[in-house]
PDB file of N, CA and C in Angstrom:
ATOM      1  N   MET A   1     112.148 128.282  72.416  1.00  0.00           N
ATOM      2  CA  MET A   1     112.146 127.533  73.031  1.00  0.00           C
ATOM      3  C   MET A   1     111.614 126.276  71.939  1.00  0.00           C
ATOM      4  N   GLY A   2     111.285 126.810  70.911  1.00  0.00           N
ATOM      5  CA  GLY A   2     110.965 125.108  69.682  1.00  0.00           C
ATOM      6  C   GLY A   2     112.423 124.383  69.740  1.00  0.00           C
ATOM      7  N   ASP A   3     113.540 125.456  69.863  1.00  0.00           N
ATOM      8  CA  ASP A   3     115.172 124.787  69.221  1.00  0.00           C
ATOM      9  C   ASP A   3     115.459 123.800  70.672  1.00  0.00           C
ATOM     10  N   ARG A   4     114.629 124.485  71.775  1.00  0.00           N
ATOM     11  CA  ARG A   4     115.218 123.344  73.127  1.00  0.00           C
ATOM     12  C   ARG A   4     114.382 122.059  72.767  1.00  0.00           C
ATOM     13  N   LEU A   5     113.457 121.979  72.500  1.00  0.00           N
ATOM     14  CA  LEU A   5     112.783 120.988  72.473  1.00  0.00           C
ATOM     15  C   LEU A   5     113.294 119.756  71.436  1.00  0.00           C
ATOM     16  N   ASN A   6     113.731 120.652  70.447  1.00  0.00           N
ATOM     17  CA  ASN A   6     114.242 119.686  69.154  1.00  0.00           C
ATOM     18  C   ASN A   6     115.485 119.033  69.444  1.00  0.00           C
ATOM     19  N   THR A   7     116.492 119.188  70.798  1.00  0.00           N
ATOM     20  CA  THR A   7     117.619 118.990  71.008  1.00  0.00           C
ATOM     21  C   THR A   7     117.417 117.432  71.688  1.00  0.00           C
ATOM     22  N   PRO A   8     118.360 116.692  71.282  1.00  0.00           N
ATOM     23  CA  PRO A   8     118.292 115.689  71.532  1.00  0.00           C
ATOM     24  C   PRO A   8     118.980 114.990  72.805  1.00  0.00           C
ATOM     25  N   LEU A   9     118.397 114.026  73.569  1.00  0.00           N
ATOM     26  CA  LEU A   9     119.273 113.558  74.643  1.00  0.00           C
ATOM     27  C   LEU A   9     120.620 113.394  74.790  1.00  0.00           C
ATOM     28  N   THR A  10     121.469 114.003  74.901  1.00  0.00           N
ATOM     29  CA  THR A  10     122.705 113.203  74.205  1.00  0.00           C
ATOM     30  C   THR A  10     123.452 112.342  76.245  1.00  0.00           C
ATOM     31  N   PRO A  11     124.039 111.822  75.925  1.00  0.00           N
ATOM     32  CA  PRO A  11     124.730 111.238  77.002  1.00  0.00           C
ATOM     33  C   PRO A  11     125.361 112.278  78.204  1.00  0.00           C
ATOM     34  N   GLU A  12     126.034 113.152  77.401  1.00  0.00           N
ATOM     35  CA  GLU A  12     126.500 114.116  78.436  1.00  0.00           C
ATOM     36  C   GLU A  12     125.263 114.869  78.876  1.00  0.00           C
ATOM     37  N   ILE A  13     124.226 115.023  78.200  1.00  0.00           N
ATOM     38  CA  ILE A  13     122.649 115.801  79.449  1.00  0.00           C
ATOM     39  C   ILE A  13     122.512 114.897  80.474  1.00  0.00           C
ATOM     40  N   ILE A  14     122.390 113.867  80.315  1.00  0.00           N
ATOM     41  CA  ILE A  14     121.684 112.893  80.942  1.00  0.00           C
ATOM     42  C   ILE A  14     122.650 112.713  82.268  1.00  0.00           C
ATOM     43  N   GLU A  15     123.638 112.596  81.963  1.00  0.00           N
ATOM     44  CA  GLU A  15     124.972 112.594  83.065  1.00  0.00           C
ATOM     45  C   GLU A  15     124.767 113.840  83.924  1.00  0.00           C
ATOM     46  N   SER A  16     124.778 114.864  83.542  1.00  0.00           N
ATOM     47  CA  SER A  16     124.443 116.369  84.097  1.00  0.00           C
ATOM     48  C   SER A  16     123.258 116.759  84.859  1.00  0.00           C
ATOM     49  N   LEU A  17     122.087 115.312  85.055  1.00  0.00           N
ATOM     50  CA  LEU A  17     121.042 115.843  85.271  1.00  0.00           C
ATOM     51  C   LEU A  17     121.287 115.649  86.568  1.00  0.00           C
ATOM     52  N   PRO A  18     120.695 116.193  87.768  1.00  0.00           N
ATOM     53  CA  PRO A  18     120.796 116.176  88.794  1.00  0.00           C
ATOM     54  C   PRO A  18     120.246 114.400  89.443  1.00  0.00           C
ATOM     55  N   GLU A  19     120.813 113.864  90.701  1.00  0.00           N
ATOM     56  CA  GLU A  19     120.080 112.344  90.823  1.00  0.00           C
ATOM     57  C   GLU A  19     118.928 112.737  91.337  1.00  0.00           C
ATOM     58  N   GLY A  20     118.290 111.673  92.019  1.00  0.00           N
ATOM     59  CA  GLY A  20     117.036 111.396  92.548  1.00  0.00           C
ATOM     60  C   GLY A  20     117.484 111.381  94.162  1.00  0.00           C
ATOM     61  N   PRO A  21     116.332 111.438  94.545  1.00  0.00           N
ATOM     62  CA  PRO A  21     116.173 111.321  96.239  1.00  0.00           C
ATOM     63  C   PRO A  21     116.668 109.598  96.778  1.00  0.00           C
ATOM     64  N   ASP A  22     117.630 109.748  97.433  1.00  0.00           N
ATOM     65  CA  ASP A  22     118.186 108.503  98.277  1.00  0.00           C
ATOM     66  C   ASP A  22     117.097 107.623  98.680  1.00  0.00           C
ATOM     67  N   GLU A  23     117.230 106.534  99.118  1.00  0.00           N
ATOM     68  CA  GLU A  23     115.765 105.693  99.673  1.00  0.00           C
ATOM     69  C   GLU A  23     115.291 106.120 100.648  1.00  0.00           C
ATOM     70  N   ASP A  24     116.027 107.056 102.223  1.00  0.00           N
ATOM     71  CA  ASP A  24     115.813 106.820 102.916  1.00  0.00           C
ATOM     72  C   ASP A  24     114.791 108.050 102.811  1.00  0.00           C
ATOM     73  N   ASN A  25     115.012 108.911 101.814  1.00  0.00           N
ATOM     74  CA  ASN A  25     114.384 109.885 101.891  1.00  0.00           C
ATOM     75  C   ASN A  25     113.063 109.500 101.149  1.00  0.00           C
ATOM     76  N   ARG A  26     113.274 109.031  99.868  1.00  0.00           N
ATOM     77  CA  ARG A  26     111.826 108.167  99.662  1.00  0.00           C
ATOM     78  C   ARG A  26     110.778 107.611 100.295  1.00  0.00           C
ATOM     79  N   ARG A  27     111.513 106.684 101.538  1.00  0.00           N
ATOM     80  CA  ARG A  27     110.998 106.146 102.230  1.00  0.00           C
ATOM     81  C   ARG A  27     109.982 107.042 103.306  1.00  0.00           C
ATOM     82  N   THR A  28     110.436 108.408 103.592  1.00  0.00           N
ATOM     83  CA  THR A  28     110.072 109.333 104.303  1.00  0.00           C
ATOM     84  C   THR A  28     108.795 110.038 103.765  1.00  0.00           C
ATOM     85  N   GLN A  29     108.961 110.099 102.258  1.00  0.00           N
ATOM     86  CA  GLN A  29     108.207 110.988 101.481  1.00  0.00           C
ATOM     87  C   GLN A  29     106.849 110.850 101.284  1.00  0.00           C
ATOM     88  N   HIS A  30     105.612 111.561 101.533  1.00  0.00           N
ATOM     89  CA  HIS A  30     104.339 111.490 101.236  1.00  0.00           C
ATOM     90  C   HIS A  30     103.834 112.702 100.098  1.00  0.00           C
ATOM     91  N   PHE A  31     103.117 112.178  99.826  1.00  0.00           N
ATOM     92  CA  PHE A  31     102.109 113.300  98.334  1.00  0.00           C
ATOM     93  C   PHE A  31     100.624 113.009  98.738  1.00  0.00           C
ATOM     94  N   THR A  32     100.261 114.489  98.688  1.00  0.00           N
ATOM     95  CA  THR A  32      98.819 114.820  98.400  1.00  0.00           C
ATOM     96  C   THR A  32      98.276 115.715  97.046  1.00  0.00           C
ATOM     97  N   TYR A  33      97.306 115.419  96.317  1.00  0.00           N
ATOM     98  CA  TYR A  33      96.774 115.846  95.249  1.00  0.00           C
ATOM     99  C   TYR A  33      95.465 116.440  95.602  1.00  0.00           C
ATOM    100  N   VAL A  34      95.168 117.483  95.217  1.00  0.00           N
ATOM    101  CA  VAL A  34      93.731 117.718  95.428  1.00  0.00           C
ATOM    102  C   VAL A  34      93.586 118.754  93.732  1.00  0.00           C
ATOM    103  N   LEU A  35      92.362 117.800  93.479  1.00  0.00           N
ATOM    104  CA  LEU A  35      91.965 118.331  92.087  1.00  0.00           C
ATOM    105  C   LEU A  35      90.406 118.846  91.817  1.00  0.00           C
ATOM    106  N   ASP A  36      90.039 119.850  91.623  1.00  0.00           N
ATOM    107  CA  ASP A  36      88.360 120.570  91.517  1.00  0.00           C
ATOM    108  C   ASP A  36      88.022 120.551  90.861  1.00  0.00           C
ATOM    109  N   ALA A  37      86.972 120.371  90.167  1.00  0.00           N
ATOM    110  CA  ALA A  37      86.326 120.233  88.710  1.00  0.00           C
ATOM    111  C   ALA A  37      84.847 120.948  89.160  1.00  0.00           C
ATOM    112  N   THR A  38      84.807 121.337  87.714  1.00  0.00           N
ATOM    113  CA  THR A  38      83.102 122.021  87.857  1.00  0.00           C
ATOM    114  C   THR A  38      83.137 121.523  86.095  1.00  0.00           C
ATOM    115  N   SER A  39      81.906 120.909  86.127  1.00  0.00           N
ATOM    116  CA  SER A  39      81.300 120.106  84.707  1.00  0.00           C
ATOM    117  C   SER A  39      80.562 121.106  84.156  1.00  0.00           C
ATOM    118  N   THR A  40      79.939 121.214  82.724  1.00  0.00           N
ATOM    119  CA  THR A  40      79.346 122.200  82.089  1.00  0.00           C
ATOM    120  C   THR A  40      77.828 122.559  82.626  1.00  0.00           C
ATOM    121  N   ASP A  41      77.167 121.677  83.602  1.00  0.00           N
ATOM    122  CA  ASP A  41      76.109 122.233  84.302  1.00  0.00           C
ATOM    123  C   ASP A  41      76.193 122.840  85.271  1.00  0.00           C
ATOM    124  N   GLY A  42      77.506 122.884  86.131  1.00  0.00           N
ATOM    125  CA  GLY A  42      77.602 124.022  87.505  1.00  0.00           C
ATOM    126  C   GLY A  42      77.896 122.870  88.449  1.00  0.00           C
ATOM    127  N   ARG A  43      77.873 121.435  88.343  1.00  0.00           N
ATOM    128  CA  ARG A  43      78.596 120.338  89.415  1.00  0.00           C
ATOM    129  C   ARG A  43      79.712 120.676  89.437  1.00  0.00           C
ATOM    130  N   ARG A  44      80.184 120.567  90.786  1.00  0.00           N
ATOM    131  CA  ARG A  44      81.557 120.675  91.453  1.00  0.00           C
ATOM    132  C   ARG A  44      81.914 119.359  92.062  1.00  0.00           C
ATOM    133  N   ALA A  45      83.023 118.997  92.224  1.00  0.00           N
ATOM    134  CA  ALA A  45      83.324 117.651  92.818  1.00  0.00           C
ATOM    135  C   ALA A  45      85.161 118.064  93.005  1.00  0.00           C
ATOM    136  N   ARG A  46      85.434 117.559  93.689  1.00  0.00           N
ATOM    137  CA  ARG A  46      87.080 117.649  94.193  1.00  0.00           C
ATOM    138  C   ARG A  46      87.437 116.331  94.489  1.00  0.00           C
ATOM    139  N   GLY A  47      88.561 116.156  94.079  1.00  0.00           N
ATOM    140  CA  GLY A  47      89.412 114.563  94.200  1.00  0.00           C
ATOM    141  C   GLY A  47      90.048 114.757  94.844  1.00  0.00           C
ATOM    142  N   ILE A  48      90.913 113.583  95.827  1.00  0.00           N
ATOM    143  CA  ILE A  48      91.889 113.802  97.001  1.00  0.00           C
ATOM    144  C   ILE A  48      92.819 112.371  96.561  1.00  0.00           C
ATOM    145  N   VAL A  49      93.977 112.302  96.452  1.00  0.00           N
ATOM    146  CA  VAL A  49      94.828 111.252  96.178  1.00  0.00           C
ATOM    147  C   VAL A  49      96.094 111.458  96.887  1.00  0.00           C
ATOM    148  N   GLN A  50      96.248 110.377  97.623  1.00  0.00           N
ATOM    149  CA  GLN A  50      97.297 110.561  98.632  1.00  0.00           C
ATOM    150  C   GLN A  50      98.209 109.221  98.634  1.00  0.00           C
ATOM    151  N   GLY A  51      99.608 109.365  98.732  1.00  0.00           N
ATOM    152  CA  GLY A  51     100.213 108.470  98.873  1.00  0.00           C
ATOM    153  C   GLY A  51     101.679 108.453  99.083  1.00  0.00           C
ATOM    154  N   PRO A  52     102.452 107.623  99.137  1.00  0.00           N
ATOM    155  CA  PRO A  52     103.876 107.903  99.538  1.00  0.00           C
ATOM    156  C   PRO A  52     104.836 107.793  98.470  1.00  0.00           C
ATOM    157  N   ASP A  53     106.359 107.944  98.572  1.00  0.00           N
ATOM    158  CA  ASP A  53     107.012 107.685  97.468  1.00  0.00           C
ATOM    159  C   ASP A  53     106.597 108.225  95.965  1.00  0.00           C
ATOM    160  N   THR A  54     106.769 109.219  95.688  1.00  0.00           N
ATOM    161  CA  THR A  54     106.027 109.764  93.993  1.00  0.00           C
ATOM    162  C   THR A  54     107.044 108.682  93.417  1.00  0.00           C
ATOM    163  N   TYR A  55     108.525 108.739  93.307  1.00  0.00           N
ATOM    164  CA  TYR A  55     109.165 108.163  92.444  1.00  0.00           C
ATOM    165  C   TYR A  55     108.809 106.723  92.292  1.00  0.00           C
ATOM    166  N   GLY A  56     108.985 105.753  93.248  1.00  0.00           N
ATOM    167  CA  GLY A  56     108.203 104.781  93.118  1.00  0.00           C
ATOM    168  C   GLY A  56     106.424 104.352  92.770  1.00  0.00           C
ATOM    169  N   THR A  57     106.070 105.433  93.052  1.00  0.00           N
ATOM    170  CA  THR A  57     104.343 105.294  92.857  1.00  0.00           C
ATOM    171  C   THR A  57     104.377 105.474  90.931  1.00  0.00           C
ATOM    172  N   THR A  58     105.157 106.432  90.729  1.00  0.00           N
ATOM    173  CA  THR A  58     105.447 106.567  89.059  1.00  0.00           C
ATOM    174  C   THR A  58     105.836 105.655  88.457  1.00  0.00           C
ATOM    175  N   ALA A  59     106.699 104.918  89.021  1.00  0.00           N
ATOM    176  CA  ALA A  59     107.433 103.743  88.240  1.00  0.00           C
ATOM    177  C   ALA A  59     105.710 102.578  88.143  1.00  0.00           C
ATOM    178  N   MET A  60     105.409 102.218  89.182  1.00  0.00           N
ATOM    179  CA  MET A  60     104.357 101.522  89.198  1.00  0.00           C
ATOM    180  C   MET A  60     102.969 101.571  88.841  1.00  0.00           C
ATOM    181  N   ILE A  61     102.794 103.134  88.346  1.00  0.00           N
ATOM    182  CA  ILE A  61     101.894 103.417  87.436  1.00  0.00           C
ATOM    183  C   ILE A  61     101.789 103.310  85.860  1.00  0.00           C
ATOM    184  N   ALA A  62     103.312 103.664  85.891  1.00  0.00           N
ATOM    185  CA  ALA A  62     104.074 103.104  84.447  1.00  0.00           C
ATOM    186  C   ALA A  62     103.818 101.645  84.270  1.00  0.00           C
ATOM    187  N   VAL A  63     104.264 101.214  84.880  1.00  0.00           N
ATOM    188  CA  VAL A  63     104.372  99.582  84.690  1.00  0.00           C
ATOM    189  C   VAL A  63     102.653  98.999  84.629  1.00  0.00           C
ATOM    190  N   GLU A  64     101.916  99.555  85.355  1.00  0.00           N
ATOM    191  CA  GLU A  64     100.976  98.891  85.528  1.00  0.00           C
ATOM    192  C   GLU A  64      99.792  99.590  84.320  1.00  0.00           C
ATOM    193  N   SER A  65     100.116 100.849  83.707  1.00  0.00           N
ATOM    194  CA  SER A  65      99.635 101.510  82.881  1.00  0.00           C
ATOM    195  C   SER A  65      99.412 100.574  81.209  1.00  0.00           C
ATOM    196  N   ALA A  66     101.019 100.358  81.151  1.00  0.00           N
ATOM    197  CA  ALA A  66     101.247  99.102  79.981  1.00  0.00           C
ATOM    198  C   ALA A  66     100.849  97.842  79.817  1.00  0.00           C
ATOM    199  N   ARG A  67     100.837  97.183  81.253  1.00  0.00           N
ATOM    200  CA  ARG A  67     100.473  95.841  81.628  1.00  0.00           C
ATOM    201  C   ARG A  67      98.695  95.754  81.099  1.00  0.00           C
ATOM    202  N   ARG A  68      97.986  96.823  81.671  1.00  0.00           N
ATOM    203  CA  ARG A  68      96.367  97.068  80.995  1.00  0.00           C
ATOM    204  C   ARG A  68      96.524  97.487  79.789  1.00  0.00           C
ATOM    205  N   LEU A  69      97.132  97.791  78.855  1.00  0.00           N
ATOM    206  CA  LEU A  69      97.039  98.162  77.524  1.00  0.00           C
ATOM    207  C   LEU A  69      97.309  97.178  76.833  1.00  0.00           C
ATOM    208  N   ILE A  70      97.973  96.550  77.040  1.00  0.00           N
ATOM    209  CA  ILE A  70      98.552  95.092  76.526  1.00  0.00           C
ATOM    210  C   ILE A  70      97.347  94.140  76.737  1.00  0.00           C
ATOM    211  N   ALA A  71      96.970  94.075  77.888  1.00  0.00           N
ATOM    212  CA  ALA A  71      95.679  93.093  78.386  1.00  0.00           C
ATOM    213  C   ALA A  71      94.299  93.291  77.733  1.00  0.00           C
ATOM    214  N   ASP A  72      94.477  94.543  77.669  1.00  0.00           N
ATOM    215  CA  ASP A  72      93.118  95.410  76.916  1.00  0.00           C
ATOM    216  C   ASP A  72      93.463  96.456  76.016  1.00  0.00           C
ATOM    217  N   PRO A  73      93.873  96.151  75.149  1.00  0.00           N
ATOM    218  CA  PRO A  73      93.953  97.213  74.643  1.00  0.00           C
ATOM    219  C   PRO A  73      92.614  98.238  74.485  1.00  0.00           C
ATOM    220  N   ALA A  74      93.044  99.751  74.522  1.00  0.00           N
ATOM    221  CA  ALA A  74      92.552 100.722  74.078  1.00  0.00           C
ATOM    222  C   ALA A  74      92.210 101.023  72.460  1.00  0.00           C
ATOM    223  N   LYS A  75      91.282 102.061  72.514  1.00  0.00           N
ATOM    224  CA  LYS A  75      91.084 102.439  71.094  1.00  0.00           C
ATOM    225  C   LYS A  75      92.082 103.153  70.541  1.00  0.00           C
ATOM    226  N   PRO A  76      92.239 102.841  69.324  1.00  0.00           N
ATOM    227  CA  PRO A  76      93.816 104.241  68.599  1.00  0.00           C
ATOM    228  C   PRO A  76      93.440 105.258  68.886  1.00  0.00           C
ATOM    229  N   GLY A  77      94.426 105.935  68.784  1.00  0.00           N
ATOM    230  CA  GLY A  77      94.330 107.484  69.152  1.00  0.00           C
ATOM    231  C   GLY A  77      95.137 107.909  70.078  1.00  0.00           C
ATOM    232  N   VAL A  78      94.825 109.243  70.418  1.00  0.00           N
ATOM    233  CA  VAL A  78      95.532 109.677  71.382  1.00  0.00           C
ATOM    234  C   VAL A  78      94.628 110.015  72.878  1.00  0.00           C
ATOM    235  N   LEU A  79      94.612 109.633  73.709  1.00  0.00           N
ATOM    236  CA  LEU A  79      93.493 109.270  74.978  1.00  0.00           C
ATOM    237  C   LEU A  79      94.652 109.903  76.137  1.00  0.00           C
ATOM    238  N   ALA A  80      93.756 110.442  77.014  1.00  0.00           N
ATOM    239  CA  ALA A  80      94.149 110.798  78.544  1.00  0.00           C
ATOM    240  C   ALA A  80      93.688 109.276  79.137  1.00  0.00           C
ATOM    241  N   PRO A  81      94.758 109.195  80.337  1.00  0.00           N
ATOM    242  CA  PRO A  81      94.653 107.861  81.017  1.00  0.00           C
ATOM    243  C   PRO A  81      93.342 107.302  81.299  1.00  0.00           C
ATOM    244  N   ALA A  82      92.359 108.270  81.742  1.00  0.00           N
ATOM    245  CA  ALA A  82      91.159 107.812  82.183  1.00  0.00           C
ATOM    246  C   ALA A  82      90.109 107.478  80.515  1.00  0.00           C
ATOM    247  N   GLN A  83      90.500 107.684  79.718  1.00  0.00           N
ATOM    248  CA  GLN A  83      90.019 107.017  78.587  1.00  0.00           C
ATOM    249  C   GLN A  83      90.689 105.772  77.897  1.00  0.00           C
ATOM    250  N   ALA A  84      91.822 105.433  78.507  1.00  0.00           N
ATOM    251  CA  ALA A  84      92.475 104.354  77.790  1.00  0.00           C
ATOM    252  C   ALA A  84      91.881 103.063  78.554  1.00  0.00           C
ATOM    253  N   TYR A  85      91.819 103.325  80.440  1.00  0.00           N
ATOM    254  CA  TYR A  85      91.233 102.391  81.103  1.00  0.00           C
ATOM    255  C   TYR A  85      90.136 102.954  82.440  1.00  0.00           C
ATOM    256  N   HIS A  86      89.388 101.963  82.761  1.00  0.00           N
ATOM    257  CA  HIS A  86      88.549 102.705  84.003  1.00  0.00           C
ATOM    258  C   HIS A  86      89.616 103.498  84.951  1.00  0.00           C
ATOM    259  N   PRO A  87      89.152 104.631  85.605  1.00  0.00           N
ATOM    260  CA  PRO A  87      89.563 105.539  86.249  1.00  0.00           C
ATOM    261  C   PRO A  87      89.736 104.753  87.864  1.00  0.00           C
ATOM    262  N   THR A  88      88.757 104.200  88.191  1.00  0.00           N
ATOM    263  CA  THR A  88      88.384 103.920  89.653  1.00  0.00           C
ATOM    264  C   THR A  88      88.918 102.690  89.921  1.00  0.00           C
ATOM    265  N   ALA A  89      88.912 101.571  88.456  1.00  0.00           N
ATOM    266  CA  ALA A  89      89.105 100.337  89.042  1.00  0.00           C
ATOM    267  C   ALA A  89      91.069 100.625  88.770  1.00  0.00           C
ATOM    268  N   PHE A  90      91.579 101.257  88.302  1.00  0.00           N
ATOM    269  CA  PHE A  90      93.027 101.506  88.315  1.00  0.00           C
ATOM    270  C   PHE A  90      93.641 102.270  89.455  1.00  0.00           C
ATOM    271  N   LEU A  91      92.353 103.127  90.397  1.00  0.00           N
ATOM    272  CA  LEU A  91      93.205 103.781  91.613  1.00  0.00           C
ATOM    273  C   LEU A  91      92.880 102.617  92.595  1.00  0.00           C
ATOM    274  N   ASP A  92      91.944 101.953  92.556  1.00  0.00           N
ATOM    275  CA  ASP A  92      91.360 100.592  93.246  1.00  0.00           C
ATOM    276  C   ASP A  92      92.603  99.755  93.540  1.00  0.00           C
ATOM    277  N   PHE A  93      93.256  99.538  91.851  1.00  0.00           N
ATOM    278  CA  PHE A  93      94.677  98.412  92.130  1.00  0.00           C
ATOM    279  C   PHE A  93      95.787  99.223  93.061  1.00  0.00           C
ATOM    280  N   LEU A  94      95.805 100.669  92.888  1.00  0.00           N
ATOM    281  CA  LEU A  94      96.901 101.324  93.838  1.00  0.00           C
ATOM    282  C   LEU A  94      97.075 101.280  95.265  1.00  0.00           C
ATOM    283  N   ILE A  95      95.284 100.970  95.928  1.00  0.00           N
ATOM    284  CA  ILE A  95      95.107 101.137  97.205  1.00  0.00           C
ATOM    285  C   ILE A  95      96.157 100.399  98.055  1.00  0.00           C
ATOM    286  N   PRO A  96      96.219  99.093  97.519  1.00  0.00           N
ATOM    287  CA  PRO A  96      97.300  97.711  98.248  1.00  0.00           C
ATOM    288  C   PRO A  96      98.659  98.246  98.331  1.00  0.00           C
ATOM    289  N   HIS A  97      99.304  99.336  97.606  1.00  0.00           N
ATOM    290  CA  HIS A  97     100.625 100.036  97.490  1.00  0.00           C
ATOM    291  C   HIS A  97     100.395 101.021  98.320  1.00  0.00           C
ATOM    292  N   GLY A  98      99.505 101.575  99.065  1.00  0.00           N
ATOM    293  CA  GLY A  98      99.202 103.078  99.918  1.00  0.00           C
ATOM    294  C   GLY A  98      99.150 103.997  99.462  1.00  0.00           C
ATOM    295  N   ILE A  99      98.136 103.784  98.598  1.00  0.00           N
ATOM    296  CA  ILE A  99      97.549 105.215  97.936  1.00  0.00           C
ATOM    297  C   ILE A  99      96.061 104.960  98.278  1.00  0.00           C
ATOM    298  N   GLN A 100      95.729 106.431  98.686  1.00  0.00           N
ATOM    299  CA  GLN A 100      94.284 106.766  99.098  1.00  0.00           C
ATOM    300  C   GLN A 100      93.816 107.486  98.027  1.00  0.00           C
ATOM    301  N   TRP A 101      92.306 107.414  98.067  1.00  0.00           N
ATOM    302  CA  TRP A 101      91.612 108.256  97.034  1.00  0.00           C
ATOM    303  C   TRP A 101      90.414 108.632  97.334  1.00  0.00           C
ATOM    304  N   ILE A 102      89.763 109.946  97.054  1.00  0.00           N
ATOM    305  CA  ILE A 102      88.177 109.838  97.297  1.00  0.00           C
ATOM    306  C   ILE A 102      88.139 111.008  96.464  1.00  0.00           C
ATOM    307  N   ILE A 103      86.614 111.018  95.801  1.00  0.00           N
ATOM    308  CA  ILE A 103      85.839 112.188  95.385  1.00  0.00           C
ATOM    309  C   ILE A 103      84.858 112.626  96.333  1.00  0.00           C
ATOM    310  N   GLU A 104      84.904 113.612  96.280  1.00  0.00           N
ATOM    311  CA  GLU A 104      83.396 114.310  97.185  1.00  0.00           C
ATOM    312  C   GLU A 104      83.343 115.413  96.384  1.00  0.00           C
ATOM    313  N   ASP A 105      81.749 116.457  97.081  1.00  0.00           N
ATOM    314  CA  ASP A 105      81.738 117.283  96.209  1.00  0.00           C
ATOM    315  C   ASP A 105      82.246 118.487  97.011  1.00  0.00           C
ATOM    316  N   ALA A 106      82.574 119.226  96.021  1.00  0.00           N
ATOM    317  CA  ALA A 106      83.736 120.507  96.216  1.00  0.00           C
ATOM    318  C   ALA A 106      82.759 121.471  96.941  1.00  0.00           C
ATOM    319  N   PRO A 107      83.670 121.836  97.796  1.00  0.00           N
ATOM    320  CA  PRO A 107      83.206 123.507  98.434  1.00  0.00           C
ATOM    321  C   PRO A 107      82.410 124.371  98.083  1.00  0.00           C
ATOM    322  N   ALA A 108      81.827 125.026  98.315  1.00  0.00           N
ATOM    323  CA  ALA A 108      81.193 126.166  97.579  1.00  0.00           C
ATOM    324  C   ALA A 108      82.186 126.945  97.444  1.00  0.00           C
ATOM    325  N   THR A 109      81.896 127.897  96.198  1.00  0.00           N
ATOM    326  CA  THR A 109      82.957 129.085  96.278  1.00  0.00           C
ATOM    327  C   THR A 109      82.260 130.417  96.518  1.00  0.00           C
TER     328      THR A 109
END
């Protein structure tokens, strides 16, 4: 497995990759992510994020992430996105672009 990760991406490999969905498919695509979390003291929460077009949304998230890191640099080192910039502010930025999000108490198991 390690050898495959060390293989450089050549033009031939890139050309062999499948094309992504066309504009019509992207326009009709919707996603929902449901994330459950439990704190060390047993509290539970559920986050739900919904929106359109994962390809377009991913590109927008990448550009906005870079813009925020340039405008307000994060502390050095390896960070999760929520450590590099405020997650609520970032999610709120996405609302005008069709993203909906909510955090609620998670259902009991």
